[in-house]
Amino acid sequence: MTIAPIAEVKAKFSNYVARSKKEAVIITKNGKPTAALIPINSDEDVERIMLKNSSKLKKIIQKSRQEFAAGKGISHSKAWEELEKLV
């Protein structure tokens, strides 16, 4: 993993993009981490990153956990049945 200040990354962006193909590059601003360049090797990596950072998905998961805790959950097989209907 490489850690670099934003000014340096900005000045040598192409170099840091190339480096990020091999390892994560943490970008700092005023000494604090603010962003990252990370290796992406497949479409699945892109999908994983997008889903992990989706505020909409996080809200759905939070609501589902609350409903499950309140006894309103559905079985695993029922969940898969519902998902199959969407595809």
N, C-alpha and C. Protein backbone atom coordinates (compact mmCIF):
# COMPACT_ATOMS: atom_id res chain seq x y z
N MET A 1 0.85 -1.17 0.00
CA MET A 1 0.00 0.00 0.00
C MET A 1 0.90 1.24 0.00
N THR A 2 0.47 2.20 -0.79
CA THR A 2 1.19 3.47 -0.89
C THR A 2 0.33 4.57 -0.30
N ILE A 3 0.94 5.48 0.44
CA ILE A 3 0.24 6.64 0.99
C ILE A 3 0.91 7.88 0.42
N ALA A 4 0.08 8.78 -0.14
CA ALA A 4 0.63 9.98 -0.77
C ALA A 4 -0.30 11.17 -0.58
N PRO A 5 0.28 12.36 -0.46
CA PRO A 5 -0.55 13.56 -0.33
C PRO A 5 -1.22 13.90 -1.66
N ILE A 6 -2.38 14.51 -1.56
CA ILE A 6 -3.18 14.81 -2.74
C ILE A 6 -2.42 15.65 -3.77
N ALA A 7 -1.61 16.59 -3.33
CA ALA A 7 -0.85 17.43 -4.27
C ALA A 7 0.10 16.59 -5.12
N GLU A 8 0.74 15.62 -4.50
CA GLU A 8 1.66 14.75 -5.24
C GLU A 8 0.90 13.85 -6.21
N VAL A 9 -0.23 13.31 -5.75
CA VAL A 9 -1.04 12.45 -6.62
C VAL A 9 -1.55 13.25 -7.82
N LYS A 10 -1.98 14.48 -7.55
CA LYS A 10 -2.47 15.35 -8.63
C LYS A 10 -1.36 15.61 -9.66
N ALA A 11 -0.17 15.86 -9.20
CA ALA A 11 0.95 16.16 -10.09
C ALA A 11 1.41 14.94 -10.89
N LYS A 12 1.25 13.76 -10.31
CA LYS A 12 1.73 12.52 -10.96
C LYS A 12 0.60 11.50 -11.08
N PHE A 13 -0.57 11.97 -11.46
CA PHE A 13 -1.77 11.12 -11.43
C PHE A 13 -1.59 9.83 -12.23
N SER A 14 -1.09 9.92 -13.44
CA SER A 14 -0.92 8.72 -14.27
C SER A 14 -0.04 7.68 -13.59
N ASN A 15 1.01 8.14 -12.92
CA ASN A 15 1.90 7.21 -12.21
C ASN A 15 1.16 6.51 -11.08
N TYR A 16 0.34 7.26 -10.36
CA TYR A 16 -0.39 6.65 -9.24
C TYR A 16 -1.50 5.73 -9.72
N VAL A 17 -2.11 6.05 -10.84
CA VAL A 17 -3.11 5.13 -11.41
C VAL A 17 -2.44 3.82 -11.80
N ALA A 18 -1.29 3.91 -12.42
CA ALA A 18 -0.54 2.69 -12.79
C ALA A 18 -0.17 1.90 -11.53
N ARG A 19 0.28 2.59 -10.50
CA ARG A 19 0.65 1.92 -9.25
C ARG A 19 -0.56 1.24 -8.62
N SER A 20 -1.72 1.88 -8.75
CA SER A 20 -2.94 1.34 -8.12
C SER A 20 -3.38 0.03 -8.75
N LYS A 21 -2.85 -0.31 -9.91
CA LYS A 21 -3.17 -1.61 -10.53
C LYS A 21 -2.54 -2.76 -9.75
N LYS A 22 -1.53 -2.44 -8.95
CA LYS A 22 -0.82 -3.46 -8.18
C LYS A 22 -1.13 -3.41 -6.69
N GLU A 23 -1.42 -2.20 -6.19
CA GLU A 23 -1.68 -2.03 -4.76
C GLU A 23 -2.54 -0.80 -4.52
N ALA A 24 -3.16 -0.75 -3.39
CA ALA A 24 -3.98 0.41 -3.05
C ALA A 24 -3.09 1.64 -2.84
N VAL A 25 -3.61 2.78 -3.27
CA VAL A 25 -2.95 4.05 -3.04
C VAL A 25 -3.89 4.89 -2.19
N ILE A 26 -3.47 5.21 -0.99
CA ILE A 26 -4.26 6.03 -0.09
C ILE A 26 -3.85 7.49 -0.29
N ILE A 27 -4.82 8.34 -0.55
CA ILE A 27 -4.56 9.75 -0.81
C ILE A 27 -4.92 10.53 0.44
N THR A 28 -3.98 11.38 0.88
CA THR A 28 -4.21 12.16 2.09
C THR A 28 -4.36 13.64 1.77
N LYS A 29 -5.08 14.31 2.64
CA LYS A 29 -5.22 15.77 2.58
C LYS A 29 -4.98 16.27 3.99
N ASN A 30 -4.02 17.16 4.13
CA ASN A 30 -3.61 17.64 5.45
C ASN A 30 -3.25 16.48 6.38
N GLY A 31 -2.63 15.45 5.81
CA GLY A 31 -2.17 14.32 6.59
C GLY A 31 -3.22 13.29 6.95
N LYS A 32 -4.47 13.51 6.52
CA LYS A 32 -5.55 12.57 6.84
C LYS A 32 -6.02 11.85 5.58
N PRO A 33 -6.27 10.54 5.68
CA PRO A 33 -6.75 9.80 4.51
C PRO A 33 -8.11 10.35 4.04
N THR A 34 -8.22 10.58 2.73
CA THR A 34 -9.48 11.12 2.20
C THR A 34 -10.01 10.33 1.02
N ALA A 35 -9.16 9.59 0.34
CA ALA A 35 -9.60 8.83 -0.84
C ALA A 35 -8.62 7.70 -1.08
N ALA A 36 -9.00 6.82 -2.00
CA ALA A 36 -8.13 5.70 -2.34
C ALA A 36 -8.26 5.36 -3.82
N LEU A 37 -7.15 4.96 -4.40
CA LEU A 37 -7.14 4.34 -5.71
C LEU A 37 -6.89 2.86 -5.44
N ILE A 38 -7.76 2.02 -5.92
CA ILE A 38 -7.63 0.59 -5.63
C ILE A 38 -7.62 -0.23 -6.91
N PRO A 39 -6.97 -1.38 -6.88
CA PRO A 39 -6.93 -2.21 -8.08
C PRO A 39 -8.32 -2.74 -8.44
N ILE A 40 -8.65 -2.68 -9.71
CA ILE A 40 -9.90 -3.26 -10.20
C ILE A 40 -9.51 -4.22 -11.31
N ASN A 41 -9.83 -5.49 -11.10
CA ASN A 41 -9.42 -6.52 -12.05
C ASN A 41 -10.56 -7.13 -12.84
N SER A 42 -11.80 -6.79 -12.49
CA SER A 42 -12.92 -7.40 -13.19
C SER A 42 -14.18 -6.56 -13.01
N ASP A 43 -15.19 -6.89 -13.80
CA ASP A 43 -16.48 -6.23 -13.64
C ASP A 43 -17.07 -6.50 -12.26
N GLU A 44 -16.77 -7.67 -11.71
CA GLU A 44 -17.27 -8.02 -10.38
C GLU A 44 -16.67 -7.09 -9.32
N ASP A 45 -15.42 -6.70 -9.49
CA ASP A 45 -14.81 -5.75 -8.57
C ASP A 45 -15.55 -4.42 -8.59
N VAL A 46 -15.89 -3.96 -9.79
CA VAL A 46 -16.63 -2.69 -9.92
C VAL A 46 -17.98 -2.81 -9.23
N GLU A 47 -18.68 -3.91 -9.48
CA GLU A 47 -20.00 -4.12 -8.88
C GLU A 47 -19.90 -4.16 -7.36
N ARG A 48 -18.90 -4.86 -6.85
CA ARG A 48 -18.71 -4.98 -5.40
C ARG A 48 -18.48 -3.60 -4.78
N ILE A 49 -17.65 -2.80 -5.41
CA ILE A 49 -17.35 -1.46 -4.89
C ILE A 49 -18.59 -0.59 -4.91
N MET A 50 -19.33 -0.65 -6.01
CA MET A 50 -20.53 0.18 -6.12
C MET A 50 -21.58 -0.22 -5.09
N LEU A 51 -21.78 -1.53 -4.90
CA LEU A 51 -22.77 -1.98 -3.92
C LEU A 51 -22.33 -1.65 -2.50
N LYS A 52 -21.06 -1.81 -2.22
CA LYS A 52 -20.56 -1.53 -0.87
C LYS A 52 -20.75 -0.06 -0.49
N ASN A 53 -20.72 0.81 -1.47
CA ASN A 53 -20.84 2.24 -1.21
C ASN A 53 -22.22 2.81 -1.52
N SER A 54 -23.18 1.95 -1.76
CA SER A 54 -24.53 2.39 -2.09
C SER A 54 -25.32 2.73 -0.83
N SER A 55 -25.65 4.00 -0.68
CA SER A 55 -26.45 4.40 0.49
C SER A 55 -27.85 3.79 0.41
N LYS A 56 -28.37 3.62 -0.80
CA LYS A 56 -29.69 3.01 -0.96
C LYS A 56 -29.68 1.55 -0.48
N LEU A 57 -28.66 0.80 -0.87
CA LEU A 57 -28.55 -0.58 -0.43
C LEU A 57 -28.37 -0.66 1.09
N LYS A 58 -27.57 0.25 1.65
CA LYS A 58 -27.36 0.26 3.10
C LYS A 58 -28.68 0.49 3.84
N LYS A 59 -29.53 1.37 3.31
CA LYS A 59 -30.83 1.62 3.93
C LYS A 59 -31.73 0.39 3.84
N ILE A 60 -31.71 -0.29 2.70
CA ILE A 60 -32.51 -1.51 2.54
C ILE A 60 -32.05 -2.57 3.53
N ILE A 61 -30.75 -2.74 3.67
CA ILE A 61 -30.22 -3.74 4.60
C ILE A 61 -30.57 -3.38 6.03
N GLN A 62 -30.45 -2.11 6.40
CA GLN A 62 -30.78 -1.68 7.76
C GLN A 62 -32.27 -1.94 8.05
N LYS A 63 -33.13 -1.59 7.12
CA LYS A 63 -34.56 -1.81 7.30
C LYS A 63 -34.86 -3.31 7.43
N SER A 64 -34.20 -4.10 6.60
CA SER A 64 -34.41 -5.56 6.65
C SER A 64 -33.97 -6.14 7.99
N ARG A 65 -32.85 -5.67 8.49
CA ARG A 65 -32.38 -6.16 9.80
C ARG A 65 -33.35 -5.79 10.92
N GLN A 66 -33.90 -4.57 10.85
CA GLN A 66 -34.88 -4.14 11.86
C GLN A 66 -36.14 -4.99 11.78
N GLU A 67 -36.62 -5.24 10.57
CA GLU A 67 -37.81 -6.07 10.40
C GLU A 67 -37.56 -7.49 10.88
N PHE A 68 -36.39 -8.03 10.56
CA PHE A 68 -36.06 -9.38 11.00
C PHE A 68 -36.01 -9.47 12.52
N ALA A 69 -35.41 -8.46 13.15
CA ALA A 69 -35.32 -8.42 14.61
C ALA A 69 -36.70 -8.33 15.25
N ALA A 70 -37.64 -7.73 14.53
CA ALA A 70 -39.01 -7.60 15.03
C ALA A 70 -39.87 -8.82 14.67
N GLY A 71 -39.23 -9.86 14.13
CA GLY A 71 -39.96 -11.08 13.79
C GLY A 71 -40.70 -11.02 12.47
N LYS A 72 -40.37 -10.07 11.62
CA LYS A 72 -41.06 -9.91 10.35
C LYS A 72 -40.24 -10.43 9.16
N GLY A 73 -39.21 -11.21 9.44
CA GLY A 73 -38.34 -11.69 8.37
C GLY A 73 -38.99 -12.81 7.57
N ILE A 74 -38.35 -13.14 6.44
CA ILE A 74 -38.81 -14.27 5.63
C ILE A 74 -37.69 -15.30 5.58
N SER A 75 -38.03 -16.50 5.21
CA SER A 75 -37.04 -17.57 5.16
C SER A 75 -36.07 -17.34 4.01
N HIS A 76 -34.95 -18.03 4.12
CA HIS A 76 -33.92 -17.95 3.09
C HIS A 76 -34.49 -18.36 1.73
N SER A 77 -35.21 -19.48 1.70
CA SER A 77 -35.77 -19.96 0.43
C SER A 77 -36.79 -18.97 -0.14
N LYS A 78 -37.58 -18.36 0.73
CA LYS A 78 -38.56 -17.36 0.27
C LYS A 78 -37.83 -16.14 -0.31
N ALA A 79 -36.76 -15.75 0.29
CA ALA A 79 -36.00 -14.61 -0.21
C ALA A 79 -35.48 -14.90 -1.62
N TRP A 80 -34.95 -16.12 -1.83
CA TRP A 80 -34.46 -16.48 -3.15
C TRP A 80 -35.60 -16.54 -4.16
N GLU A 81 -36.76 -17.03 -3.75
CA GLU A 81 -37.92 -17.04 -4.65
C GLU A 81 -38.27 -15.63 -5.10
N GLU A 82 -38.26 -14.69 -4.16
CA GLU A 82 -38.58 -13.29 -4.48
C GLU A 82 -37.52 -12.69 -5.41
N LEU A 83 -36.27 -13.02 -5.17
CA LEU A 83 -35.20 -12.50 -6.03
C LEU A 83 -35.31 -13.06 -7.43
N GLU A 84 -35.66 -14.33 -7.57
CA GLU A 84 -35.81 -14.95 -8.88
C GLU A 84 -36.90 -14.25 -9.70
N LYS A 85 -37.92 -13.77 -9.03
CA LYS A 85 -39.01 -13.07 -9.73
C LYS A 85 -38.51 -11.77 -10.36
N LEU A 86 -37.48 -11.19 -9.77
CA LEU A 86 -36.95 -9.91 -10.25
C LEU A 86 -36.03 -10.08 -11.46
N VAL A 87 -35.53 -11.27 -11.66
CA VAL A 87 -34.56 -11.49 -12.74
C VAL A 87 -35.20 -11.90 -14.03
